[in-house]
Structures are given as C-alpha cells and as structure tokens.
Amino acid sequence: RRKRSRQMEEEDDNSVGEYSQDFKKHLNELTSEWKNILKRNKKVLLKCPNYDKCHYKCSSIGGMQYHYPRCAGACPVYKCHLCGREYESRTGLNYHNTSHHTEVGVALNLSDMGTVRPQ
C-alpha cells in the first residue's frame, strides 16, 4: 500500500473545511436535528434535506454529513486548467494531472494546473 504524504492529507483536510460560514452553521443545525431524530427512534432512515430534488436516505449521521454538502452543491470544486475536468479534492486533481497530462514521462507543474471554484 502506498503511503500518503503529509501534504496530501493536509490538502484533503483543507478541502473539507472550505464550506461557507453560513453552510457550516446550517450543517451543524441539521446535525443536531438528525441526532435528536435518531435518539427518539433508532430504526429510522434520515432523509436528505434537499428532498425536492433528492431521494437519498441513510441510517447514520456521518453518511448524511458526507452526502448533503455534495447534494447541496456546497463542496469546493478543483478544476483542471487543461481539460476542464472537476474533482472534489486537490489530491484527485493532482492524480488526474500526473496520469493524464504528462509530457514524455515528465510531470507538469501541478501547482499551476487547477483552481478551486466554490459552487
């Protein structure tokens, strides 16, 4: 198994924390609500708050905390300057760049190959 570099882990951690302050507050309020729902009834499925567009249901708060920001469009997007593909993490963008945009085995400068675009 390949070791992850400290820089890759920090970049992944940073990408998770890039929600707007308003969205963080909203997600914290929803998390409290979900905890109360699950305390009252252990066998209930949580429904995505974006219920008019999404029919996702799950039984854990962690699952909903992962799903909802992506469903609501609150996750940052890392976009490749060369082909326009979008990724949820800088690590994903870096992997894409090294595997798809290399010149005769020489990797291009990764720091210049993508930008973060909040949705």
PDB file of N, CA and C in Angstrom:
ATOM      1  N   ARG A   1       0.840  -1.186   0.000  1.00  0.00           N
ATOM      2  CA  ARG A   1       0.000   0.000   0.000  1.00  0.00           C
ATOM      3  C   ARG A   1       0.884   1.247   0.000  1.00  0.00           C
ATOM      4  N   ARG A   2       0.529   2.196  -0.824  1.00  0.00           N
ATOM      5  CA  ARG A   2       1.314   3.418  -0.950  1.00  0.00           C
ATOM      6  C   ARG A   2       1.058   4.358   0.213  1.00  0.00           C
ATOM      7  N   LYS A   3       2.113   4.937   0.765  1.00  0.00           N
ATOM      8  CA  LYS A   3       1.961   5.883   1.861  1.00  0.00           C
ATOM      9  C   LYS A   3       1.468   7.213   1.318  1.00  0.00           C
ATOM     10  N   ARG A   4       0.557   7.829   2.038  1.00  0.00           N
ATOM     11  CA  ARG A   4       0.085   9.164   1.680  1.00  0.00           C
ATOM     12  C   ARG A   4       1.015  10.193   2.295  1.00  0.00           C
ATOM     13  N   SER A   5       1.369  11.189   1.526  1.00  0.00           N
ATOM     14  CA  SER A   5       2.251  12.221   2.062  1.00  0.00           C
ATOM     15  C   SER A   5       1.468  13.127   3.006  1.00  0.00           C
ATOM     16  N   ARG A   6       2.189  13.772   3.902  1.00  0.00           N
ATOM     17  CA  ARG A   6       1.565  14.707   4.845  1.00  0.00           C
ATOM     18  C   ARG A   6       0.864  15.829   4.073  1.00  0.00           C
ATOM     19  N   GLN A   7       1.475  16.286   2.956  1.00  0.00           N
ATOM     20  CA  GLN A   7       0.882  17.356   2.154  1.00  0.00           C
ATOM     21  C   GLN A   7      -0.467  16.916   1.573  1.00  0.00           C
ATOM     22  N   MET A   8      -0.552  15.672   1.078  1.00  0.00           N
ATOM     23  CA  MET A   8      -1.812  15.174   0.511  1.00  0.00           C
ATOM     24  C   MET A   8      -2.898  15.144   1.581  1.00  0.00           C
ATOM     25  N   GLU A   9      -2.552  14.696   2.789  1.00  0.00           N
ATOM     26  CA  GLU A   9      -3.534  14.638   3.867  1.00  0.00           C
ATOM     27  C   GLU A   9      -3.992  16.028   4.265  1.00  0.00           C
ATOM     28  N   GLU A  10      -3.054  16.977   4.325  1.00  0.00           N
ATOM     29  CA  GLU A  10      -3.420  18.350   4.668  1.00  0.00           C
ATOM     30  C   GLU A  10      -4.330  18.952   3.606  1.00  0.00           C
ATOM     31  N   GLU A  11      -4.048  18.675   2.325  1.00  0.00           N
ATOM     32  CA  GLU A  11      -4.885  19.205   1.251  1.00  0.00           C
ATOM     33  C   GLU A  11      -6.287  18.633   1.333  1.00  0.00           C
ATOM     34  N   ASP A  12      -6.407  17.331   1.629  1.00  0.00           N
ATOM     35  CA  ASP A  12      -7.728  16.729   1.780  1.00  0.00           C
ATOM     36  C   ASP A  12      -8.465  17.340   2.962  1.00  0.00           C
ATOM     37  N   ASP A  13      -7.755  17.539   4.089  1.00  0.00           N
ATOM     38  CA  ASP A  13      -8.376  18.158   5.255  1.00  0.00           C
ATOM     39  C   ASP A  13      -8.839  19.562   4.934  1.00  0.00           C
ATOM     40  N   ASN A  14      -8.025  20.316   4.210  1.00  0.00           N
ATOM     41  CA  ASN A  14      -8.381  21.687   3.865  1.00  0.00           C
ATOM     42  C   ASN A  14      -9.587  21.734   2.948  1.00  0.00           C
ATOM     43  N   SER A  15      -9.701  20.798   2.020  1.00  0.00           N
ATOM     44  CA  SER A  15     -10.821  20.851   1.082  1.00  0.00           C
ATOM     45  C   SER A  15     -12.143  20.605   1.807  1.00  0.00           C
ATOM     46  N   VAL A  16     -12.118  19.841   2.885  1.00  0.00           N
ATOM     47  CA  VAL A  16     -13.339  19.585   3.637  1.00  0.00           C
ATOM     48  C   VAL A  16     -13.793  20.843   4.362  1.00  0.00           C
ATOM     49  N   GLY A  17     -12.851  21.660   4.816  1.00  0.00           N
ATOM     50  CA  GLY A  17     -13.181  22.827   5.607  1.00  0.00           C
ATOM     51  C   GLY A  17     -13.508  24.076   4.811  1.00  0.00           C
ATOM     52  N   GLU A  18     -13.723  23.976   3.526  1.00  0.00           N
ATOM     53  CA  GLU A  18     -13.912  25.164   2.710  1.00  0.00           C
ATOM     54  C   GLU A  18     -15.375  25.531   2.492  1.00  0.00           C
ATOM     55  N   TYR A  19     -16.279  25.007   3.284  1.00  0.00           N
ATOM     56  CA  TYR A  19     -17.674  25.420   3.183  1.00  0.00           C
ATOM     57  C   TYR A  19     -17.791  26.860   3.669  1.00  0.00           C
ATOM     58  N   SER A  20     -18.783  27.556   3.198  1.00  0.00           N
ATOM     59  CA  SER A  20     -19.015  28.916   3.692  1.00  0.00           C
ATOM     60  C   SER A  20     -19.436  28.854   5.160  1.00  0.00           C
ATOM     61  N   GLN A  21     -19.258  29.946   5.871  1.00  0.00           N
ATOM     62  CA  GLN A  21     -19.645  30.009   7.280  1.00  0.00           C
ATOM     63  C   GLN A  21     -21.136  29.727   7.436  1.00  0.00           C
ATOM     64  N   ASP A  22     -21.955  30.270   6.538  1.00  0.00           N
ATOM     65  CA  ASP A  22     -23.400  30.037   6.600  1.00  0.00           C
ATOM     66  C   ASP A  22     -23.723  28.560   6.431  1.00  0.00           C
ATOM     67  N   PHE A  23     -23.032  27.893   5.490  1.00  0.00           N
ATOM     68  CA  PHE A  23     -23.316  26.476   5.267  1.00  0.00           C
ATOM     69  C   PHE A  23     -22.852  25.644   6.456  1.00  0.00           C
ATOM     70  N   LYS A  24     -21.704  25.995   7.059  1.00  0.00           N
ATOM     71  CA  LYS A  24     -21.228  25.270   8.251  1.00  0.00           C
ATOM     72  C   LYS A  24     -22.261  25.359   9.369  1.00  0.00           C
ATOM     73  N   LYS A  25     -22.805  26.569   9.573  1.00  0.00           N
ATOM     74  CA  LYS A  25     -23.824  26.762  10.608  1.00  0.00           C
ATOM     75  C   LYS A  25     -25.061  25.920  10.292  1.00  0.00           C
ATOM     76  N   HIS A  26     -25.494  25.957   9.035  1.00  0.00           N
ATOM     77  CA  HIS A  26     -26.655  25.184   8.595  1.00  0.00           C
ATOM     78  C   HIS A  26     -26.421  23.682   8.818  1.00  0.00           C
ATOM     79  N   LEU A  27     -25.238  23.194   8.458  1.00  0.00           N
ATOM     80  CA  LEU A  27     -24.919  21.776   8.626  1.00  0.00           C
ATOM     81  C   LEU A  27     -24.882  21.389  10.104  1.00  0.00           C
ATOM     82  N   ASN A  28     -24.366  22.259  10.961  1.00  0.00           N
ATOM     83  CA  ASN A  28     -24.359  21.989  12.409  1.00  0.00           C
ATOM     84  C   ASN A  28     -25.781  21.906  12.958  1.00  0.00           C
ATOM     85  N   GLU A  29     -26.655  22.796  12.496  1.00  0.00           N
ATOM     86  CA  GLU A  29     -28.059  22.755  12.925  1.00  0.00           C
ATOM     87  C   GLU A  29     -28.727  21.460  12.470  1.00  0.00           C
ATOM     88  N   LEU A  30     -28.475  21.072  11.222  1.00  0.00           N
ATOM     89  CA  LEU A  30     -29.046  19.820  10.711  1.00  0.00           C
ATOM     90  C   LEU A  30     -28.516  18.621  11.489  1.00  0.00           C
ATOM     91  N   THR A  31     -27.233  18.633  11.819  1.00  0.00           N
ATOM     92  CA  THR A  31     -26.639  17.525  12.569  1.00  0.00           C
ATOM     93  C   THR A  31     -27.318  17.374  13.929  1.00  0.00           C
ATOM     94  N   SER A  32     -27.576  18.486  14.602  1.00  0.00           N
ATOM     95  CA  SER A  32     -28.295  18.422  15.892  1.00  0.00           C
ATOM     96  C   SER A  32     -29.687  17.839  15.707  1.00  0.00           C
ATOM     97  N   GLU A  33     -30.345  18.258  14.645  1.00  0.00           N
ATOM     98  CA  GLU A  33     -31.684  17.743  14.338  1.00  0.00           C
ATOM     99  C   GLU A  33     -31.638  16.231  14.089  1.00  0.00           C
ATOM    100  N   TRP A  34     -30.651  15.787  13.281  1.00  0.00           N
ATOM    101  CA  TRP A  34     -30.513  14.364  12.973  1.00  0.00           C
ATOM    102  C   TRP A  34     -30.233  13.559  14.238  1.00  0.00           C
ATOM    103  N   LYS A  35     -29.405  14.089  15.136  1.00  0.00           N
ATOM    104  CA  LYS A  35     -29.112  13.390  16.396  1.00  0.00           C
ATOM    105  C   LYS A  35     -30.385  13.205  17.215  1.00  0.00           C
ATOM    106  N   ASN A  36     -31.212  14.240  17.279  1.00  0.00           N
ATOM    107  CA  ASN A  36     -32.476  14.145  18.024  1.00  0.00           C
ATOM    108  C   ASN A  36     -33.410  13.121  17.392  1.00  0.00           C
ATOM    109  N   ILE A  37     -33.478  13.090  16.083  1.00  0.00           N
ATOM    110  CA  ILE A  37     -34.332  12.123  15.392  1.00  0.00           C
ATOM    111  C   ILE A  37     -33.874  10.702  15.717  1.00  0.00           C
ATOM    112  N   LEU A  38     -32.563  10.467  15.638  1.00  0.00           N
ATOM    113  CA  LEU A  38     -32.039   9.122  15.891  1.00  0.00           C
ATOM    114  C   LEU A  38     -32.129   8.727  17.362  1.00  0.00           C
ATOM    115  N   LYS A  39     -32.094   9.685  18.283  1.00  0.00           N
ATOM    116  CA  LYS A  39     -32.275   9.379  19.707  1.00  0.00           C
ATOM    117  C   LYS A  39     -33.685   8.868  19.962  1.00  0.00           C
ATOM    118  N   ARG A  40     -34.675   9.490  19.319  1.00  0.00           N
ATOM    119  CA  ARG A  40     -36.077   9.102  19.517  1.00  0.00           C
ATOM    120  C   ARG A  40     -36.397   7.760  18.889  1.00  0.00           C
ATOM    121  N   ASN A  41     -35.812   7.482  17.719  1.00  0.00           N
ATOM    122  CA  ASN A  41     -36.139   6.250  17.012  1.00  0.00           C
ATOM    123  C   ASN A  41     -34.893   5.721  16.320  1.00  0.00           C
ATOM    124  N   LYS A  42     -34.326   4.658  16.831  1.00  0.00           N
ATOM    125  CA  LYS A  42     -33.069   4.104  16.321  1.00  0.00           C
ATOM    126  C   LYS A  42     -33.197   3.497  14.922  1.00  0.00           C
ATOM    127  N   LYS A  43     -34.395   3.095  14.528  1.00  0.00           N
ATOM    128  CA  LYS A  43     -34.556   2.380  13.260  1.00  0.00           C
ATOM    129  C   LYS A  43     -35.076   3.256  12.131  1.00  0.00           C
ATOM    130  N   VAL A  44     -34.951   4.554  12.274  1.00  0.00           N
ATOM    131  CA  VAL A  44     -35.449   5.469  11.253  1.00  0.00           C
ATOM    132  C   VAL A  44     -34.340   5.775  10.238  1.00  0.00           C
ATOM    133  N   LEU A  45     -34.722   6.039   8.994  1.00  0.00           N
ATOM    134  CA  LEU A  45     -33.779   6.486   7.981  1.00  0.00           C
ATOM    135  C   LEU A  45     -33.863   8.002   7.874  1.00  0.00           C
ATOM    136  N   LEU A  46     -32.710   8.647   7.880  1.00  0.00           N
ATOM    137  CA  LEU A  46     -32.668  10.090   7.696  1.00  0.00           C
ATOM    138  C   LEU A  46     -32.867  10.407   6.217  1.00  0.00           C
ATOM    139  N   LYS A  47     -33.676  11.410   5.926  1.00  0.00           N
ATOM    140  CA  LYS A  47     -33.923  11.817   4.545  1.00  0.00           C
ATOM    141  C   LYS A  47     -33.081  13.050   4.232  1.00  0.00           C
ATOM    142  N   CYS A  48     -32.571  13.119   3.029  1.00  0.00           N
ATOM    143  CA  CYS A  48     -31.778  14.271   2.603  1.00  0.00           C
ATOM    144  C   CYS A  48     -32.627  15.539   2.706  1.00  0.00           C
ATOM    145  N   PRO A  49     -32.100  16.616   3.314  1.00  0.00           N
ATOM    146  CA  PRO A  49     -32.850  17.864   3.414  1.00  0.00           C
ATOM    147  C   PRO A  49     -33.175  18.484   2.055  1.00  0.00           C
ATOM    148  N   ASN A  50     -32.501  18.034   1.029  1.00  0.00           N
ATOM    149  CA  ASN A  50     -32.742  18.512  -0.323  1.00  0.00           C
ATOM    150  C   ASN A  50     -33.817  17.629  -0.980  1.00  0.00           C
ATOM    151  N   TYR A  51     -34.867  17.329  -0.199  1.00  0.00           N
ATOM    152  CA  TYR A  51     -35.852  16.312  -0.575  1.00  0.00           C
ATOM    153  C   TYR A  51     -36.633  16.612  -1.846  1.00  0.00           C
ATOM    154  N   ASP A  52     -36.732  17.868  -2.265  1.00  0.00           N
ATOM    155  CA  ASP A  52     -37.463  18.160  -3.500  1.00  0.00           C
ATOM    156  C   ASP A  52     -36.685  17.711  -4.739  1.00  0.00           C
ATOM    157  N   LYS A  53     -35.356  17.534  -4.604  1.00  0.00           N
ATOM    158  CA  LYS A  53     -34.522  17.106  -5.737  1.00  0.00           C
ATOM    159  C   LYS A  53     -33.861  15.750  -5.514  1.00  0.00           C
ATOM    160  N   CYS A  54     -33.783  15.308  -4.250  1.00  0.00           N
ATOM    161  CA  CYS A  54     -33.005  14.114  -3.925  1.00  0.00           C
ATOM    162  C   CYS A  54     -33.816  13.173  -3.035  1.00  0.00           C
ATOM    163  N   HIS A  55     -33.707  11.896  -3.297  1.00  0.00           N
ATOM    164  CA  HIS A  55     -34.444  10.905  -2.513  1.00  0.00           C
ATOM    165  C   HIS A  55     -33.506  10.038  -1.672  1.00  0.00           C
ATOM    166  N   TYR A  56     -32.315  10.557  -1.386  1.00  0.00           N
ATOM    167  CA  TYR A  56     -31.327   9.808  -0.616  1.00  0.00           C
ATOM    168  C   TYR A  56     -31.784   9.642   0.833  1.00  0.00           C
ATOM    169  N   LYS A  57     -31.586   8.428   1.373  1.00  0.00           N
ATOM    170  CA  LYS A  57     -31.881   8.132   2.774  1.00  0.00           C
ATOM    171  C   LYS A  57     -30.726   7.314   3.335  1.00  0.00           C
ATOM    172  N   CYS A  58     -30.420   7.521   4.612  1.00  0.00           N
ATOM    173  CA  CYS A  58     -29.387   6.706   5.257  1.00  0.00           C
ATOM    174  C   CYS A  58     -29.672   6.607   6.749  1.00  0.00           C
ATOM    175  N   SER A  59     -28.994   5.691   7.400  1.00  0.00           N
ATOM    176  CA  SER A  59     -29.254   5.451   8.820  1.00  0.00           C
ATOM    177  C   SER A  59     -28.209   6.062   9.739  1.00  0.00           C
ATOM    178  N   SER A  60     -27.218   6.776   9.181  1.00  0.00           N
ATOM    179  CA  SER A  60     -26.172   7.344  10.041  1.00  0.00           C
ATOM    180  C   SER A  60     -25.987   8.838   9.792  1.00  0.00           C
ATOM    181  N   ILE A  61     -25.597   9.528  10.838  1.00  0.00           N
ATOM    182  CA  ILE A  61     -25.334  10.966  10.728  1.00  0.00           C
ATOM    183  C   ILE A  61     -24.118  11.202   9.832  1.00  0.00           C
ATOM    184  N   GLY A  62     -23.091  10.387   9.982  1.00  0.00           N
ATOM    185  CA  GLY A  62     -21.889  10.521   9.150  1.00  0.00           C
ATOM    186  C   GLY A  62     -22.188  10.389   7.672  1.00  0.00           C
ATOM    187  N   GLY A  63     -23.053   9.443   7.331  1.00  0.00           N
ATOM    188  CA  GLY A  63     -23.438   9.264   5.934  1.00  0.00           C
ATOM    189  C   GLY A  63     -24.146  10.486   5.389  1.00  0.00           C
ATOM    190  N   MET A  64     -25.001  11.068   6.194  1.00  0.00           N
ATOM    191  CA  MET A  64     -25.731  12.256   5.750  1.00  0.00           C
ATOM    192  C   MET A  64     -24.807  13.471   5.704  1.00  0.00           C
ATOM    193  N   GLN A  65     -23.870  13.568   6.664  1.00  0.00           N
ATOM    194  CA  GLN A  65     -22.922  14.679   6.647  1.00  0.00           C
ATOM    195  C   GLN A  65     -22.021  14.618   5.413  1.00  0.00           C
ATOM    196  N   TYR A  66     -21.749  13.428   4.915  1.00  0.00           N
ATOM    197  CA  TYR A  66     -20.960  13.279   3.695  1.00  0.00           C
ATOM    198  C   TYR A  66     -21.817  13.606   2.473  1.00  0.00           C
ATOM    199  N   HIS A  67     -23.033  13.079   2.444  1.00  0.00           N
ATOM    200  CA  HIS A  67     -23.902  13.229   1.278  1.00  0.00           C
ATOM    201  C   HIS A  67     -24.410  14.656   1.075  1.00  0.00           C
ATOM    202  N   TYR A  68     -24.935  15.256   2.117  1.00  0.00           N
ATOM    203  CA  TYR A  68     -25.664  16.510   1.959  1.00  0.00           C
ATOM    204  C   TYR A  68     -24.853  17.669   1.358  1.00  0.00           C
ATOM    205  N   PRO A  69     -23.618  17.944   1.795  1.00  0.00           N
ATOM    206  CA  PRO A  69     -22.880  19.041   1.163  1.00  0.00           C
ATOM    207  C   PRO A  69     -22.675  18.835  -0.337  1.00  0.00           C
ATOM    208  N   ARG A  70     -22.499  17.591  -0.756  1.00  0.00           N
ATOM    209  CA  ARG A  70     -22.328  17.302  -2.180  1.00  0.00           C
ATOM    210  C   ARG A  70     -23.650  17.499  -2.924  1.00  0.00           C
ATOM    211  N   CYS A  71     -24.721  17.069  -2.306  1.00  0.00           N
ATOM    212  CA  CYS A  71     -26.051  17.204  -2.904  1.00  0.00           C
ATOM    213  C   CYS A  71     -26.454  18.677  -3.001  1.00  0.00           C
ATOM    214  N   ALA A  72     -26.097  19.452  -1.993  1.00  0.00           N
ATOM    215  CA  ALA A  72     -26.473  20.871  -1.941  1.00  0.00           C
ATOM    216  C   ALA A  72     -25.538  21.754  -2.760  1.00  0.00           C
ATOM    217  N   GLY A  73     -24.451  21.168  -3.299  1.00  0.00           N
ATOM    218  CA  GLY A  73     -23.514  21.944  -4.102  1.00  0.00           C
ATOM    219  C   GLY A  73     -22.595  22.831  -3.286  1.00  0.00           C
ATOM    220  N   ALA A  74     -22.338  22.457  -2.028  1.00  0.00           N
ATOM    221  CA  ALA A  74     -21.516  23.290  -1.156  1.00  0.00           C
ATOM    222  C   ALA A  74     -20.041  22.892  -1.154  1.00  0.00           C
ATOM    223  N   CYS A  75     -19.702  21.784  -1.778  1.00  0.00           N
ATOM    224  CA  CYS A  75     -18.309  21.337  -1.780  1.00  0.00           C
ATOM    225  C   CYS A  75     -17.495  22.132  -2.791  1.00  0.00           C
ATOM    226  N   PRO A  76     -16.229  22.396  -2.448  1.00  0.00           N
ATOM    227  CA  PRO A  76     -15.371  23.087  -3.410  1.00  0.00           C
ATOM    228  C   PRO A  76     -15.088  22.175  -4.597  1.00  0.00           C
ATOM    229  N   VAL A  77     -14.841  22.779  -5.725  1.00  0.00           N
ATOM    230  CA  VAL A  77     -14.530  22.021  -6.930  1.00  0.00           C
ATOM    231  C   VAL A  77     -13.136  22.425  -7.389  1.00  0.00           C
ATOM    232  N   TYR A  78     -12.293  21.434  -7.640  1.00  0.00           N
ATOM    233  CA  TYR A  78     -10.955  21.670  -8.166  1.00  0.00           C
ATOM    234  C   TYR A  78     -11.008  21.355  -9.652  1.00  0.00           C
ATOM    235  N   LYS A  79     -10.756  22.351 -10.477  1.00  0.00           N
ATOM    236  CA  LYS A  79     -10.929  22.215 -11.926  1.00  0.00           C
ATOM    237  C   LYS A  79      -9.576  22.218 -12.635  1.00  0.00           C
ATOM    238  N   CYS A  80      -9.396  21.286 -13.563  1.00  0.00           N
ATOM    239  CA  CYS A  80      -8.177  21.187 -14.356  1.00  0.00           C
ATOM    240  C   CYS A  80      -8.181  22.305 -15.403  1.00  0.00           C
ATOM    241  N   HIS A  81      -7.080  23.062 -15.474  1.00  0.00           N
ATOM    242  CA  HIS A  81      -6.954  24.143 -16.458  1.00  0.00           C
ATOM    243  C   HIS A  81      -6.824  23.607 -17.883  1.00  0.00           C
ATOM    244  N   LEU A  82      -6.337  22.375 -18.026  1.00  0.00           N
ATOM    245  CA  LEU A  82      -6.061  21.854 -19.354  1.00  0.00           C
ATOM    246  C   LEU A  82      -7.273  21.231 -20.043  1.00  0.00           C
ATOM    247  N   CYS A  83      -8.111  20.499 -19.285  1.00  0.00           N
ATOM    248  CA  CYS A  83      -9.237  19.819 -19.940  1.00  0.00           C
ATOM    249  C   CYS A  83     -10.591  20.139 -19.322  1.00  0.00           C
ATOM    250  N   GLY A  84     -10.595  20.830 -18.174  1.00  0.00           N
ATOM    251  CA  GLY A  84     -11.864  21.231 -17.574  1.00  0.00           C
ATOM    252  C   GLY A  84     -12.507  20.221 -16.641  1.00  0.00           C
ATOM    253  N   ARG A  85     -11.915  19.038 -16.457  1.00  0.00           N
ATOM    254  CA  ARG A  85     -12.498  18.056 -15.536  1.00  0.00           C
ATOM    255  C   ARG A  85     -12.479  18.600 -14.122  1.00  0.00           C
ATOM    256  N   GLU A  86     -13.476  18.216 -13.329  1.00  0.00           N
ATOM    257  CA  GLU A  86     -13.609  18.726 -11.969  1.00  0.00           C
ATOM    258  C   GLU A  86     -13.495  17.598 -10.950  1.00  0.00           C
ATOM    259  N   TYR A  87     -12.886  17.923  -9.793  1.00  0.00           N
ATOM    260  CA  TYR A  87     -12.662  16.960  -8.728  1.00  0.00           C
ATOM    261  C   TYR A  87     -13.039  17.568  -7.387  1.00  0.00           C
ATOM    262  N   GLU A  88     -13.391  16.713  -6.429  1.00  0.00           N
ATOM    263  CA  GLU A  88     -13.770  17.168  -5.091  1.00  0.00           C
ATOM    264  C   GLU A  88     -12.567  17.462  -4.214  1.00  0.00           C
ATOM    265  N   SER A  89     -11.389  16.976  -4.572  1.00  0.00           N
ATOM    266  CA  SER A  89     -10.206  17.212  -3.744  1.00  0.00           C
ATOM    267  C   SER A  89      -9.020  17.574  -4.622  1.00  0.00           C
ATOM    268  N   ARG A  90      -8.081  18.292  -4.037  1.00  0.00           N
ATOM    269  CA  ARG A  90      -6.858  18.634  -4.770  1.00  0.00           C
ATOM    270  C   ARG A  90      -6.074  17.359  -5.083  1.00  0.00           C
ATOM    271  N   THR A  91      -6.147  16.378  -4.198  1.00  0.00           N
ATOM    272  CA  THR A  91      -5.463  15.109  -4.433  1.00  0.00           C
ATOM    273  C   THR A  91      -5.998  14.445  -5.697  1.00  0.00           C
ATOM    274  N   GLY A  92      -7.315  14.467  -5.878  1.00  0.00           N
ATOM    275  CA  GLY A  92      -7.916  13.908  -7.094  1.00  0.00           C
ATOM    276  C   GLY A  92      -7.438  14.639  -8.337  1.00  0.00           C
ATOM    277  N   LEU A  93      -7.378  15.955  -8.264  1.00  0.00           N
ATOM    278  CA  LEU A  93      -6.889  16.756  -9.386  1.00  0.00           C
ATOM    279  C   LEU A  93      -5.419  16.449  -9.661  1.00  0.00           C
ATOM    280  N   ASN A  94      -4.601  16.356  -8.607  1.00  0.00           N
ATOM    281  CA  ASN A  94      -3.179  16.048  -8.789  1.00  0.00           C
ATOM    282  C   ASN A  94      -2.985  14.687  -9.444  1.00  0.00           C
ATOM    283  N   TYR A  95      -3.751  13.690  -9.001  1.00  0.00           N
ATOM    284  CA  TYR A  95      -3.646  12.354  -9.599  1.00  0.00           C
ATOM    285  C   TYR A  95      -4.024  12.421 -11.075  1.00  0.00           C
ATOM    286  N   HIS A  96      -5.108  13.116 -11.389  1.00  0.00           N
ATOM    287  CA  HIS A  96      -5.547  13.280 -12.777  1.00  0.00           C
ATOM    288  C   HIS A  96      -4.436  13.913 -13.614  1.00  0.00           C
ATOM    289  N   ASN A  97      -3.838  14.991 -13.090  1.00  0.00           N
ATOM    290  CA  ASN A  97      -2.807  15.702 -13.851  1.00  0.00           C
ATOM    291  C   ASN A  97      -1.581  14.842 -14.105  1.00  0.00           C
ATOM    292  N   THR A  98      -1.145  14.081 -13.108  1.00  0.00           N
ATOM    293  CA  THR A  98       0.048  13.252 -13.301  1.00  0.00           C
ATOM    294  C   THR A  98      -0.237  12.057 -14.198  1.00  0.00           C
ATOM    295  N   SER A  99      -1.469  11.579 -14.226  1.00  0.00           N
ATOM    296  CA  SER A  99      -1.762  10.405 -15.051  1.00  0.00           C
ATOM    297  C   SER A  99      -2.280  10.755 -16.449  1.00  0.00           C
ATOM    298  N   HIS A 100      -2.761  11.974 -16.656  1.00  0.00           N
ATOM    299  CA  HIS A 100      -3.323  12.331 -17.959  1.00  0.00           C
ATOM    300  C   HIS A 100      -2.590  13.453 -18.683  1.00  0.00           C
ATOM    301  N   HIS A 101      -1.912  14.293 -17.963  1.00  0.00           N
ATOM    302  CA  HIS A 101      -1.258  15.441 -18.585  1.00  0.00           C
ATOM    303  C   HIS A 101       0.248  15.425 -18.303  1.00  0.00           C
ATOM    304  N   THR A 102       0.948  14.503 -18.914  1.00  0.00           N
ATOM    305  CA  THR A 102       2.401  14.451 -18.769  1.00  0.00           C
ATOM    306  C   THR A 102       3.029  14.557 -20.147  1.00  0.00           C
ATOM    307  N   GLU A 103       4.228  15.066 -20.195  1.00  0.00           N
ATOM    308  CA  GLU A 103       4.963  15.170 -21.447  1.00  0.00           C
ATOM    309  C   GLU A 103       6.113  14.179 -21.409  1.00  0.00           C
ATOM    310  N   VAL A 104       6.067  13.171 -22.231  1.00  0.00           N
ATOM    311  CA  VAL A 104       7.105  12.157 -22.351  1.00  0.00           C
ATOM    312  C   VAL A 104       7.676  11.745 -20.988  1.00  0.00           C
ATOM    313  N   GLY A 105       6.775  11.411 -20.079  1.00  0.00           N
ATOM    314  CA  GLY A 105       7.177  10.911 -18.771  1.00  0.00           C
ATOM    315  C   GLY A 105       7.559  11.985 -17.764  1.00  0.00           C
ATOM    316  N   VAL A 106       7.495  13.248 -18.129  1.00  0.00           N
ATOM    317  CA  VAL A 106       7.831  14.329 -17.195  1.00  0.00           C
ATOM    318  C   VAL A 106       6.534  14.995 -16.763  1.00  0.00           C
ATOM    319  N   ALA A 107       6.257  14.984 -15.475  1.00  0.00           N
ATOM    320  CA  ALA A 107       5.013  15.578 -14.963  1.00  0.00           C
ATOM    321  C   ALA A 107       5.068  17.094 -15.095  1.00  0.00           C
ATOM    322  N   LEU A 108       3.950  17.683 -15.413  1.00  0.00           N
ATOM    323  CA  LEU A 108       3.845  19.133 -15.487  1.00  0.00           C
ATOM    324  C   LEU A 108       3.785  19.720 -14.084  1.00  0.00           C
ATOM    325  N   ASN A 109       3.977  21.001 -13.963  1.00  0.00           N
ATOM    326  CA  ASN A 109       3.935  21.676 -12.667  1.00  0.00           C
ATOM    327  C   ASN A 109       2.514  21.634 -12.123  1.00  0.00           C
ATOM    328  N   LEU A 110       2.272  20.873 -11.055  1.00  0.00           N
ATOM    329  CA  LEU A 110       0.933  20.672 -10.535  1.00  0.00           C
ATOM    330  C   LEU A 110       0.318  21.921  -9.922  1.00  0.00           C
ATOM    331  N   SER A 111       1.145  22.800  -9.379  1.00  0.00           N
ATOM    332  CA  SER A 111       0.582  23.978  -8.721  1.00  0.00           C
ATOM    333  C   SER A 111      -0.094  24.922  -9.714  1.00  0.00           C
ATOM    334  N   ASP A 112       0.231  24.824 -10.986  1.00  0.00           N
ATOM    335  CA  ASP A 112      -0.352  25.696 -11.992  1.00  0.00           C
ATOM    336  C   ASP A 112      -1.474  25.032 -12.768  1.00  0.00           C
ATOM    337  N   MET A 113      -1.906  23.833 -12.355  1.00  0.00           N
ATOM    338  CA  MET A 113      -2.812  23.070 -13.211  1.00  0.00           C
ATOM    339  C   MET A 113      -4.253  23.060 -12.766  1.00  0.00           C
ATOM    340  N   GLY A 114      -4.629  23.719 -11.687  1.00  0.00           N
ATOM    341  CA  GLY A 114      -6.021  23.682 -11.271  1.00  0.00           C
ATOM    342  C   GLY A 114      -6.349  24.783 -10.305  1.00  0.00           C
ATOM    343  N   THR A 115      -7.626  25.100 -10.253  1.00  0.00           N
ATOM    344  CA  THR A 115      -8.091  26.128  -9.328  1.00  0.00           C
ATOM    345  C   THR A 115      -9.268  25.608  -8.526  1.00  0.00           C
ATOM    346  N   VAL A 116      -9.497  26.235  -7.406  1.00  0.00           N
ATOM    347  CA  VAL A 116     -10.658  25.898  -6.595  1.00  0.00           C
ATOM    348  C   VAL A 116     -11.779  26.840  -6.994  1.00  0.00           C
ATOM    349  N   ARG A 117     -12.931  26.260  -7.278  1.00  0.00           N
ATOM    350  CA  ARG A 117     -14.094  27.059  -7.622  1.00  0.00           C
ATOM    351  C   ARG A 117     -15.213  26.652  -6.701  1.00  0.00           C
ATOM    352  N   PRO A 118     -15.596  27.518  -5.716  1.00  0.00           N
ATOM    353  CA  PRO A 118     -16.726  27.162  -4.862  1.00  0.00           C
ATOM    354  C   PRO A 118     -17.996  27.115  -5.687  1.00  0.00           C
ATOM    355  N   GLN A 119     -18.866  26.159  -5.367  1.00  0.00           N
ATOM    356  CA  GLN A 119     -20.105  26.045  -6.146  1.00  0.00           C
ATOM    357  C   GLN A 119     -21.136  27.002  -5.650  1.00  0.00           C
TER     358      GLN A 119
END
